[in-house]
Each structure stands twice: as structure tokens, then as C-alpha cells.
C-alpha atoms as a PDB file:
ATOM      1  CA  MET A   1      79.798 -84.469  63.533  1.00  0.00           C
ATOM      2  CA  LYS A   2      77.390 -82.495  61.488  1.00  0.00           C
ATOM      3  CA  ARG A   3      76.350 -79.283  63.090  1.00  0.00           C
ATOM      4  CA  LYS A   4      72.500 -78.599  63.808  1.00  0.00           C
ATOM      5  CA  LEU A   5      70.381 -75.699  64.300  1.00  0.00           C
ATOM      6  CA  ARG A   6      67.730 -75.041  66.615  1.00  0.00           C
ATOM      7  CA  ILE A   7      64.975 -72.632  65.287  1.00  0.00           C
ATOM      8  CA  THR A   8      62.376 -71.160  67.364  1.00  0.00           C
ATOM      9  CA  GLN A   9      59.633 -68.805  66.271  1.00  0.00           C
ATOM     10  CA  VAL A  10      59.552 -65.862  68.641  1.00  0.00           C
ATOM     11  CA  ARG A  11      57.399 -63.471  66.609  1.00  0.00           C
ATOM     12  CA  SER A  12      54.173 -63.904  64.673  1.00  0.00           C
ATOM     13  CA  ALA A  13      54.083 -64.129  61.035  1.00  0.00           C
ATOM     14  CA  ILE A  14      50.546 -62.858  60.942  1.00  0.00           C
ATOM     15  CA  GLY A  15      50.543 -59.751  58.725  1.00  0.00           C
ATOM     16  CA  ARG A  16      53.617 -60.367  57.187  1.00  0.00           C
ATOM     17  CA  GLN A  17      54.371 -60.935  53.626  1.00  0.00           C
ATOM     18  CA  LYS A  18      53.001 -64.332  52.408  1.00  0.00           C
ATOM     19  CA  ASN A  19      56.125 -65.791  51.322  1.00  0.00           C
ATOM     20  CA  GLN A  20      57.446 -65.293  55.005  1.00  0.00           C
ATOM     21  CA  GLY A  21      54.558 -67.392  56.462  1.00  0.00           C
ATOM     22  CA  VAL A  22      55.269 -70.005  53.957  1.00  0.00           C
ATOM     23  CA  THR A  23      58.763 -70.175  54.639  1.00  0.00           C
ATOM     24  CA  VAL A  24      58.140 -70.465  58.599  1.00  0.00           C
ATOM     25  CA  ARG A  25      55.816 -73.359  57.770  1.00  0.00           C
ATOM     26  CA  THR A  26      58.261 -75.081  55.275  1.00  0.00           C
ATOM     27  CA  LEU A  27      60.857 -74.910  58.256  1.00  0.00           C
ATOM     28  CA  GLY A  28      58.338 -77.055  60.070  1.00  0.00           C
ATOM     29  CA  ILE A  29      57.502 -74.571  62.641  1.00  0.00           C
ATOM     30  CA  ARG A  30      53.830 -74.808  63.660  1.00  0.00           C
ATOM     31  CA  ARG A  31      52.927 -71.981  66.407  1.00  0.00           C
ATOM     32  CA  LEU A  32      54.815 -69.398  68.465  1.00  0.00           C
ATOM     33  CA  HIS A  33      57.595 -70.627  70.536  1.00  0.00           C
ATOM     34  CA  HIS A  34      57.587 -74.017  68.726  1.00  0.00           C
ATOM     35  CA  SER A  35      61.356 -75.209  67.947  1.00  0.00           C
ATOM     36  CA  VAL A  36      62.590 -77.559  65.210  1.00  0.00           C
ATOM     37  CA  VAL A  37      66.098 -78.937  64.652  1.00  0.00           C
ATOM     38  CA  HIS A  38      67.637 -78.970  61.345  1.00  0.00           C
ATOM     39  CA  ASP A  39      71.005 -79.766  59.803  1.00  0.00           C
ATOM     40  CA  ASP A  40      73.135 -76.588  59.007  1.00  0.00           C
ATOM     41  CA  THR A  41      73.087 -76.285  55.296  1.00  0.00           C
ATOM     42  CA  PRO A  42      72.905 -73.441  52.869  1.00  0.00           C
ATOM     43  CA  GLN A  43      69.446 -73.903  52.141  1.00  0.00           C
ATOM     44  CA  ILE A  44      68.204 -73.859  55.765  1.00  0.00           C
ATOM     45  CA  ARG A  45      70.525 -70.806  56.349  1.00  0.00           C
ATOM     46  CA  GLY A  46      68.648 -69.132  53.261  1.00  0.00           C
ATOM     47  CA  MET A  47      65.236 -69.745  54.716  1.00  0.00           C
ATOM     48  CA  ILE A  48      66.352 -68.207  58.091  1.00  0.00           C
ATOM     49  CA  ALA A  49      67.859 -65.411  56.558  1.00  0.00           C
ATOM     50  CA  ARG A  50      64.347 -64.467  54.902  1.00  0.00           C
ATOM     51  CA  VAL A  51      62.618 -64.697  58.361  1.00  0.00           C
ATOM     52  CA  SER A  52      65.281 -63.858  60.716  1.00  0.00           C
ATOM     53  CA  HIS A  53      63.288 -61.148  62.360  1.00  0.00           C
ATOM     54  CA  LEU A  54      60.820 -64.066  63.250  1.00  0.00           C
ATOM     55  CA  VAL A  55      63.108 -66.606  64.657  1.00  0.00           C
ATOM     56  CA  ARG A  56      65.800 -67.290  67.188  1.00  0.00           C
ATOM     57  CA  VAL A  57      68.607 -69.595  65.918  1.00  0.00           C
ATOM     58  CA  GLU A  58      70.874 -71.572  68.309  1.00  0.00           C
ATOM     59  CA  GLU A  59      73.798 -73.858  67.144  1.00  0.00           C
ATOM     60  CA  ILE A  60      73.912 -77.279  68.878  1.00  0.00           C
ATOM     61  CA  GLU A  61      76.188 -80.115  68.707  1.00  0.00           C
ATOM     62  CA  GLY A  62      74.527 -82.994  66.957  1.00  0.00           C
END
């Protein structure tokens, strides 16, 4: 089975660099404490690395 990641925004992107806000939106996160589920791919891991201080990541079986 493919691993999945649950990504939850825990800090605001307001006042951050523009590319960080764009990355949060690209992940599909719309607001604070909103969670999305993505496949565990290198592209998603790269986006998470860019905004790791704004999000919480959990690995889930999926």
C-alpha cells in the first residue's frame, strides 16, 4: 500500500515570504487547522520542507 501524509496548517502564512504562502495554497490547505491528505512523493516532501515551520505532518496508512 502507498503511504499517505496528512498535512495540517498550524501557523499562519501571513507576513511570510510570498513563496511560502503560495506553497501552502498549492498543497491545498485553505485555512488554519485545515488538513489535507497527499501521497508521499518527493514533490510533496519538497513542498513540506519549504513550509515545515507552518505545518504538522503525520504519516497514515492509506
